[in-house]
Structures are given as structure tokens and as C-alpha cells.
Amino acid sequence: MSRLLNVSSSPHVRDTVTTKSIMYDVLIAMLPAAAFGVYQFGFHALLILIETMAVCVISEYVFEKALGRPVTIADGSALVTGMILALNMPPDIPVWMPALGGVFAIIIVKQLYGGLGQNFMNPALAARCFLLISFTGKMTTFTLDGVSGATPLAVLKNGGSVDVAAMFLGRIPGTIGEVSVVALLIGAVYMLVKKVITIRIPAAYILTFSVFVLLFGGHGFDLNYLAAHLCGGGLIFGAFFMATDYVTSPLTPNGQIVFGVLLGCLTGLFRLFGGSAEGVSYAIILSNIVVPLIEKVTLPTAFGKEAKKS
């Protein structure tokens, strides 16, 4: 009898990876961008990071306590939401605005839909778009070394020239976390090595956007123009840290590629033909909405089940 196999209920495949470990890996991956943002923009940027993350955690705790739900702040998801939102903020924004955004992200977008795993769009990006609509002036004013100025993408959209090297390194005005491509790529490599994300969505996103810019940007095969678009705005930040969100991106491999292609087309459309020089946030949350449809179309046929005849 001792040699009989014990049969247990599913799941039979187990892993040591947990929601908490994934979230803290994402937090670690964002540290280079956060550190550079604080170094470049100073103490106020650090204050925004700390208070936005704190507000997100407190909002989740208070809401779950008030409704008698299990408190989930230990899983790190509220911290990730707060950090992403803070890194998407202008460095000189009044501290109460990202705090308001944190409350909106956690309560309106996440908790009212059931909490982690139930939200249909990225909470941090939804909050950023809410703030952009509500406080457009403050959300689109950027400073560097105490001087307000247009972002490189805005200069590019108005026909000016930009310093691509400075954009790659981060010596440009912009939001706290998006300015340094080097810092963002360090974090992206960390997540890829740790297998927190796969390359499918970022690669499909960036490649599709590149083709879109080359075809419709009006500059022909100008690689300097393309590099400026890739290094400017929140493209790299969005591709690796926001579009890859487990809850709001497709699970199927083919669906992830379709999702990335849609993101690239929408971002190119908003940047080149829209009124704003940016478009990553709106592209991601609009694509989040169609994820269920993408998964339905790209769901592979179950093993042993006959496919429908065409």
C-alpha cells in the first residue's frame, strides 16, 4: 500500500512564483528609472513617489477594511500602481494631484471591479488619463533645471530638431520616470531575465510603431527621426512596464502579438495625426478594453477537439 501513488485535486503543476514575488520584481525593475528621475528633478520628485505609493496602499487598505474584504496590501500590487502613476507625473506637479490619482486608480478602477485580477484596464494609466483630462495644464507642464520647456516630442511634432543622445540618456524635460531610456532598459532586461515578462508584447509594439512612423511620419526612412520617437515620451516605459500588465493584457501568445500590433498602430496614429505629441497612455487603455475580444479570437483549439470547418 505504501507504494501506491497519491492523487490530489488540481492544480497539478506548481511553481514558487507568487503574485507578491512578481510585483516586487516589477518594483525592483522600476528603481533605475525612479532613481534617475529623483537625481534629475530633485526632492519634489522623491516626494511625489513616496506619497503616491503611500496613498495607493492606504486607499486599498481602507477600502477593503470598510467592506470587510481580505486586506491584500502585502501582495505589492498597490505599490506597483502607485509607483507607475508617480513615474508618469511631471516633476513639479502639486502633490495633491497624484494623490487624487492614486485614490482614483485604487478605488474606482481596481477595487470597484473586484480588486486585483478583475480590473479591465491598467489602474495607473487610467488615473493618469483622468488627471490629464481634469488638470491638462499642470499635467503637460515640464521643467528641467528650473526652466519650463516643451518636451522633445512636442518640438519634433512642430518641425524642430532634437538631440537623440540626450533623449536616450535622459537629459530632457518629461515625466519623472520616462526620460531615461537607459534606466528603463536596465529594468526591462531585469524583468526579462527574471521571466516576469516575455518579449512578445514589447517587441510587437515597438516594431509595429517603428513601421508606422517610417510609413506615415513624412520623413521617409529617416532613422534619426525614428530614434527620436522611440526614445521620446513614454514608449519604452509603456511597452515594457505597462502594456505587459498581466491582468489587462492577453494570455495567449498570438493574442499578445496582436495586442502589441494594435498598440503600435494606435500610438503612431495618436502621435502623428492627433493633437498631442504623446499617445502611449491612451493607446494602452483603449487596447485594454479589447483584450477579451483578442483572447477570444486567438484562443487555440483544445487538444482533442475538432476545429470548425471553414
Protein backbone atom coordinates (compact mmCIF):
# COMPACT_ATOMS: atom_id res chain seq x y z
CA MET A 1 0.00 0.00 0.00
CA SER A 2 2.87 2.38 0.73
CA ARG A 3 3.90 2.21 -2.92
CA LEU A 4 0.54 3.48 -4.21
CA LEU A 5 0.51 6.90 -5.82
CA ASN A 6 -1.39 9.65 -4.03
CA VAL A 7 -3.79 11.53 -6.30
CA SER A 8 -4.67 15.09 -5.38
CA SER A 9 -7.00 17.63 -6.92
CA SER A 10 -5.79 20.19 -9.44
CA PRO A 11 -3.68 22.18 -9.98
CA HIS A 12 -1.00 19.54 -10.51
CA VAL A 13 1.65 21.92 -11.87
CA ARG A 14 3.01 24.20 -9.16
CA ASP A 15 5.57 26.97 -9.08
CA THR A 16 7.31 29.06 -6.46
CA VAL A 17 6.36 32.26 -8.31
CA THR A 18 3.68 34.25 -6.47
CA THR A 19 1.83 37.49 -7.09
CA LYS A 20 3.95 39.08 -4.38
CA SER A 21 7.26 37.98 -5.95
CA ILE A 22 6.16 39.25 -9.37
CA MET A 23 5.08 42.63 -8.01
CA TYR A 24 8.30 43.15 -6.09
CA ASP A 25 10.33 42.20 -9.16
CA VAL A 26 8.46 44.90 -11.10
CA LEU A 27 9.18 47.39 -8.31
CA ILE A 28 12.89 46.50 -8.43
CA ALA A 29 12.88 46.87 -12.22
CA MET A 30 11.48 50.41 -11.93
CA LEU A 31 14.09 51.53 -9.40
CA PRO A 32 16.70 52.66 -12.00
CA ALA A 33 14.16 54.93 -13.70
CA ALA A 34 12.92 56.21 -10.34
CA ALA A 35 16.46 56.86 -9.10
CA PHE A 36 17.37 58.76 -12.25
CA GLY A 37 14.16 60.80 -12.02
CA VAL A 38 14.95 61.82 -8.45
CA TYR A 39 18.57 62.59 -9.38
CA GLN A 40 17.47 64.75 -12.29
CA PHE A 41 14.44 66.52 -10.84
CA GLY A 42 15.26 66.66 -7.15
CA PHE A 43 13.47 66.25 -3.83
CA HIS A 44 9.98 67.07 -5.14
CA ALA A 45 10.15 64.06 -7.47
CA LEU A 46 11.05 61.85 -4.49
CA LEU A 47 8.14 63.31 -2.53
CA ILE A 48 5.74 62.50 -5.37
CA LEU A 49 6.99 58.91 -5.50
CA ILE A 50 6.65 58.36 -1.74
CA GLU A 51 3.27 59.99 -1.27
CA THR A 52 1.64 58.45 -4.36
CA MET A 53 2.71 54.94 -3.36
CA ALA A 54 1.58 55.58 0.23
CA VAL A 55 -1.82 56.89 -0.90
CA CYS A 56 -2.39 53.81 -3.09
CA VAL A 57 -1.57 51.42 -0.25
CA ILE A 58 -3.70 53.35 2.28
CA SER A 59 -6.63 53.58 -0.18
CA GLU A 60 -6.59 49.83 -0.74
CA TYR A 61 -6.34 49.11 2.99
CA VAL A 62 -9.17 51.48 3.97
CA PHE A 63 -11.49 50.32 1.19
CA GLU A 64 -11.01 46.61 1.90
CA LYS A 65 -11.36 47.15 5.66
CA ALA A 66 -14.54 49.19 5.18
CA LEU A 67 -16.14 46.49 3.04
CA GLY A 68 -14.93 43.61 5.18
CA ARG A 69 -12.76 42.15 2.45
CA PRO A 70 -9.41 40.43 2.99
CA VAL A 71 -6.64 43.05 3.11
CA THR A 72 -4.29 42.50 0.15
CA ILE A 73 -1.76 45.29 0.52
CA ALA A 74 1.02 42.79 1.25
CA ASP A 75 0.94 41.48 -2.35
CA GLY A 76 2.63 44.66 -3.59
CA SER A 77 0.14 45.43 -6.36
CA ALA A 78 -0.90 48.77 -4.80
CA LEU A 79 2.78 49.74 -4.53
CA VAL A 80 3.29 48.94 -8.22
CA THR A 81 0.24 51.01 -9.19
CA GLY A 82 1.48 53.93 -7.09
CA MET A 83 5.00 53.78 -8.49
CA ILE A 84 3.85 53.59 -12.12
CA LEU A 85 1.49 56.50 -11.56
CA ALA A 86 4.18 58.58 -9.84
CA LEU A 87 6.70 57.91 -12.61
CA ASN A 88 4.11 59.20 -15.08
CA MET A 89 3.82 62.53 -13.28
CA PRO A 90 5.52 65.84 -14.22
CA PRO A 91 8.25 66.57 -11.66
CA ASP A 92 6.78 69.86 -10.42
CA ILE A 93 3.12 68.85 -10.15
CA PRO A 94 1.38 69.74 -6.85
CA VAL A 95 1.49 66.69 -4.58
CA TRP A 96 -2.27 66.54 -4.09
CA MET A 97 -2.88 65.77 -7.78
CA PRO A 98 -1.04 62.43 -7.95
CA ALA A 99 -2.57 61.62 -4.54
CA LEU A 100 -6.02 62.14 -6.07
CA GLY A 101 -4.91 59.98 -8.99
CA GLY A 102 -3.84 57.24 -6.58
CA VAL A 103 -7.27 57.19 -4.92
CA PHE A 104 -8.93 57.07 -8.36
CA ALA A 105 -6.66 54.24 -9.54
CA ILE A 106 -7.18 52.01 -6.50
CA ILE A 107 -10.83 52.60 -5.63
CA ILE A 108 -12.52 53.47 -8.94
CA VAL A 109 -10.52 51.38 -11.41
CA LYS A 110 -9.32 48.47 -9.27
CA GLN A 111 -11.42 47.83 -6.16
CA LEU A 112 -14.88 48.69 -7.52
CA TYR A 113 -14.36 45.99 -10.15
CA GLY A 114 -13.40 43.36 -7.59
CA GLY A 115 -9.75 44.02 -6.83
CA LEU A 116 -6.57 42.58 -8.33
CA GLY A 117 -7.28 40.46 -11.38
CA GLN A 118 -10.73 41.96 -12.04
CA ASN A 119 -9.89 45.45 -13.38
CA PHE A 120 -10.38 45.77 -17.14
CA MET A 121 -7.76 48.48 -17.68
CA ASN A 122 -4.44 49.46 -16.14
CA PRO A 123 -5.32 51.43 -12.95
CA ALA A 124 -2.24 53.69 -13.04
CA LEU A 125 -2.77 54.66 -16.68
CA ALA A 126 -6.49 55.16 -16.19
CA ALA A 127 -5.65 57.53 -13.31
CA ARG A 128 -3.09 59.36 -15.44
CA CYS A 129 -5.67 59.88 -18.21
CA PHE A 130 -8.17 61.07 -15.59
CA LEU A 131 -5.63 63.64 -14.38
CA LEU A 132 -4.75 64.65 -17.95
CA ILE A 133 -8.40 65.40 -18.68
CA SER A 134 -9.02 67.13 -15.35
CA PHE A 135 -5.80 69.15 -15.00
CA THR A 136 -4.40 69.43 -18.52
CA GLY A 137 -2.22 72.46 -17.84
CA LYS A 138 -0.42 71.03 -14.81
CA MET A 139 -0.08 67.58 -16.40
CA THR A 140 1.53 68.95 -19.56
CA THR A 141 3.96 71.42 -17.99
CA PHE A 142 7.51 70.09 -17.73
CA THR A 143 10.64 71.65 -16.28
CA LEU A 144 14.34 70.87 -16.31
CA ASP A 145 16.81 72.74 -14.11
CA GLY A 146 14.03 75.12 -13.13
CA VAL A 147 13.23 76.08 -16.73
CA SER A 148 9.89 75.16 -18.30
CA GLY A 149 10.04 73.93 -21.85
CA ALA A 150 8.48 71.71 -24.46
CA THR A 151 9.27 68.00 -24.47
CA PRO A 152 11.37 66.69 -27.38
CA LEU A 153 8.27 65.03 -28.88
CA ALA A 154 6.43 68.36 -28.88
CA VAL A 155 9.43 70.01 -30.55
CA LEU A 156 9.55 67.18 -33.10
CA LYS A 157 5.83 67.48 -33.83
CA ASN A 158 6.24 71.20 -34.51
CA GLY A 159 9.01 70.54 -37.03
CA GLY A 160 12.02 71.23 -34.80
CA SER A 161 15.16 69.17 -34.29
CA VAL A 162 16.03 67.22 -31.14
CA ASP A 163 19.12 65.71 -29.54
CA VAL A 164 18.56 61.94 -29.68
CA ALA A 165 21.60 61.20 -27.49
CA ALA A 166 20.23 63.44 -24.73
CA MET A 167 16.86 61.71 -25.07
CA PHE A 168 18.48 58.30 -24.73
CA LEU A 169 20.46 59.31 -21.64
CA GLY A 170 17.67 61.35 -20.08
CA ARG A 171 18.78 64.99 -20.04
CA ILE A 172 15.40 66.20 -21.26
CA PRO A 173 12.17 67.54 -19.75
CA GLY A 174 9.41 65.00 -19.24
CA THR A 175 7.72 62.91 -16.59
CA ILE A 176 9.75 61.56 -13.67
CA GLY A 177 10.18 58.04 -14.97
CA GLU A 178 10.06 58.26 -18.75
CA VAL A 179 13.06 60.45 -19.54
CA SER A 180 15.97 57.99 -19.31
CA VAL A 181 15.76 55.19 -21.87
CA VAL A 182 18.95 53.66 -20.45
CA ALA A 183 17.43 53.33 -16.97
CA LEU A 184 14.21 51.88 -18.39
CA LEU A 185 16.07 49.32 -20.49
CA ILE A 186 18.07 48.19 -17.43
CA GLY A 187 14.78 47.49 -15.68
CA ALA A 188 13.34 45.80 -18.77
CA VAL A 189 16.33 43.45 -19.02
CA TYR A 190 15.89 42.58 -15.33
CA MET A 191 12.26 41.58 -15.90
CA LEU A 192 13.12 39.56 -18.99
CA VAL A 193 15.92 37.72 -17.18
CA LYS A 194 13.64 37.02 -14.22
CA LYS A 195 10.94 35.90 -16.69
CA VAL A 196 8.44 38.32 -15.21
CA ILE A 197 7.51 39.33 -18.76
CA THR A 198 8.10 37.94 -22.24
CA ILE A 199 9.39 39.91 -25.19
CA ARG A 200 6.26 39.36 -27.33
CA ILE A 201 4.23 42.44 -26.44
CA PRO A 202 7.13 44.95 -26.26
CA ALA A 203 8.69 43.62 -29.49
CA ALA A 204 5.40 43.64 -31.42
CA TYR A 205 4.57 47.09 -30.03
CA ILE A 206 7.92 48.73 -30.84
CA LEU A 207 8.31 47.05 -34.24
CA THR A 208 4.77 47.98 -35.35
CA PHE A 209 5.19 51.54 -34.15
CA SER A 210 8.53 51.82 -35.98
CA VAL A 211 6.99 50.65 -39.26
CA PHE A 212 4.06 53.04 -38.76
CA VAL A 213 6.39 56.01 -38.21
CA LEU A 214 8.53 55.16 -41.23
CA LEU A 215 5.47 54.79 -43.47
CA PHE A 216 3.38 57.72 -42.27
CA GLY A 217 5.79 60.03 -40.44
CA GLY A 218 6.50 62.13 -43.53
CA HIS A 219 10.28 61.79 -43.16
CA GLY A 220 10.85 58.69 -45.26
CA PHE A 221 13.45 56.24 -43.99
CA ASP A 222 14.94 58.75 -41.53
CA LEU A 223 16.42 56.66 -38.71
CA ASN A 224 17.22 59.72 -36.60
CA TYR A 225 13.55 60.73 -36.71
CA LEU A 226 12.53 57.19 -35.79
CA ALA A 227 15.06 57.05 -32.93
CA ALA A 228 13.67 60.29 -31.53
CA HIS A 229 10.17 58.83 -31.47
CA LEU A 230 11.40 55.64 -29.83
CA CYS A 231 13.36 57.49 -27.14
CA GLY A 232 10.77 60.20 -26.56
CA GLY A 233 7.70 60.13 -24.39
CA GLY A 234 6.54 57.03 -22.59
CA LEU A 235 7.01 54.49 -25.38
CA ILE A 236 9.74 52.37 -23.75
CA PHE A 237 8.17 52.76 -20.32
CA GLY A 238 4.77 51.78 -21.68
CA ALA A 239 6.00 48.88 -23.80
CA PHE A 240 7.85 47.07 -21.03
CA PHE A 241 6.18 48.16 -17.80
CA MET A 242 2.54 48.95 -18.59
CA ALA A 243 1.47 47.07 -21.71
CA THR A 244 2.76 43.83 -20.14
CA ASP A 245 0.46 44.05 -17.11
CA TYR A 246 -0.80 40.50 -16.50
CA VAL A 247 -4.40 41.47 -15.77
CA THR A 248 -5.02 43.79 -18.71
CA SER A 249 -3.02 42.07 -21.48
CA PRO A 250 -3.82 38.85 -23.38
CA LEU A 251 -2.72 35.47 -22.04
CA THR A 252 -2.46 33.72 -25.41
CA PRO A 253 0.88 34.04 -27.26
CA ASN A 254 -0.79 35.05 -30.54
CA GLY A 255 -3.05 37.41 -28.66
CA GLN A 256 -0.03 39.16 -27.15
CA ILE A 257 1.36 39.77 -30.63
CA VAL A 258 -1.98 41.11 -31.88
CA PHE A 259 -2.16 43.31 -28.77
CA GLY A 260 1.32 44.70 -29.45
CA VAL A 261 0.44 45.42 -33.10
CA LEU A 262 -2.71 47.27 -32.03
CA LEU A 263 -0.71 49.31 -29.51
CA GLY A 264 1.85 50.27 -32.15
CA CYS A 265 -0.80 51.38 -34.63
CA LEU A 266 -2.77 53.40 -32.06
CA THR A 267 0.33 55.09 -30.64
CA GLY A 268 1.51 56.02 -34.13
CA LEU A 269 -1.95 57.31 -35.01
CA PHE A 270 -2.19 59.47 -31.89
CA ARG A 271 1.35 60.83 -32.17
CA LEU A 272 1.42 61.61 -35.87
CA PHE A 273 -2.16 62.64 -36.53
CA GLY A 274 -3.55 63.60 -33.11
CA GLY A 275 -3.46 66.91 -31.33
CA SER A 276 -0.98 65.72 -28.70
CA ALA A 277 2.65 64.75 -29.22
CA GLU A 278 2.20 61.71 -26.96
CA GLY A 279 -0.30 58.86 -27.10
CA VAL A 280 1.02 55.84 -25.21
CA SER A 281 -1.36 56.05 -22.25
CA TYR A 282 -4.48 56.34 -24.38
CA ALA A 283 -3.27 53.60 -26.72
CA ILE A 284 -2.78 51.17 -23.84
CA ILE A 285 -6.08 51.75 -22.04
CA LEU A 286 -8.05 51.59 -25.31
CA SER A 287 -6.28 48.35 -26.21
CA ASN A 288 -7.01 47.01 -22.70
CA ILE A 289 -10.72 47.26 -23.49
CA VAL A 290 -10.48 44.91 -26.49
CA VAL A 291 -8.32 42.28 -24.74
CA PRO A 292 -11.30 39.91 -24.16
CA LEU A 293 -12.06 40.01 -27.90
CA ILE A 294 -8.40 39.43 -28.80
CA GLU A 295 -8.25 36.42 -26.48
CA LYS A 296 -11.48 35.00 -27.90
CA VAL A 297 -10.17 35.22 -31.46
CA THR A 298 -6.67 33.89 -30.68
CA LEU A 299 -7.64 31.12 -28.24
CA PRO A 300 -6.06 27.90 -29.56
CA THR A 301 -8.24 24.85 -30.23
CA ALA A 302 -8.30 22.50 -27.25
CA PHE A 303 -6.38 19.24 -27.67
CA GLY A 304 -8.66 16.50 -28.98
CA LYS A 305 -11.32 18.92 -30.15
CA GLU A 306 -12.07 19.20 -33.84
CA ALA A 307 -11.66 22.66 -35.28
CA LYS A 308 -14.56 24.29 -37.10
CA LYS A 309 -14.58 23.67 -40.82
CA SER A 310 -14.17 26.73 -42.96
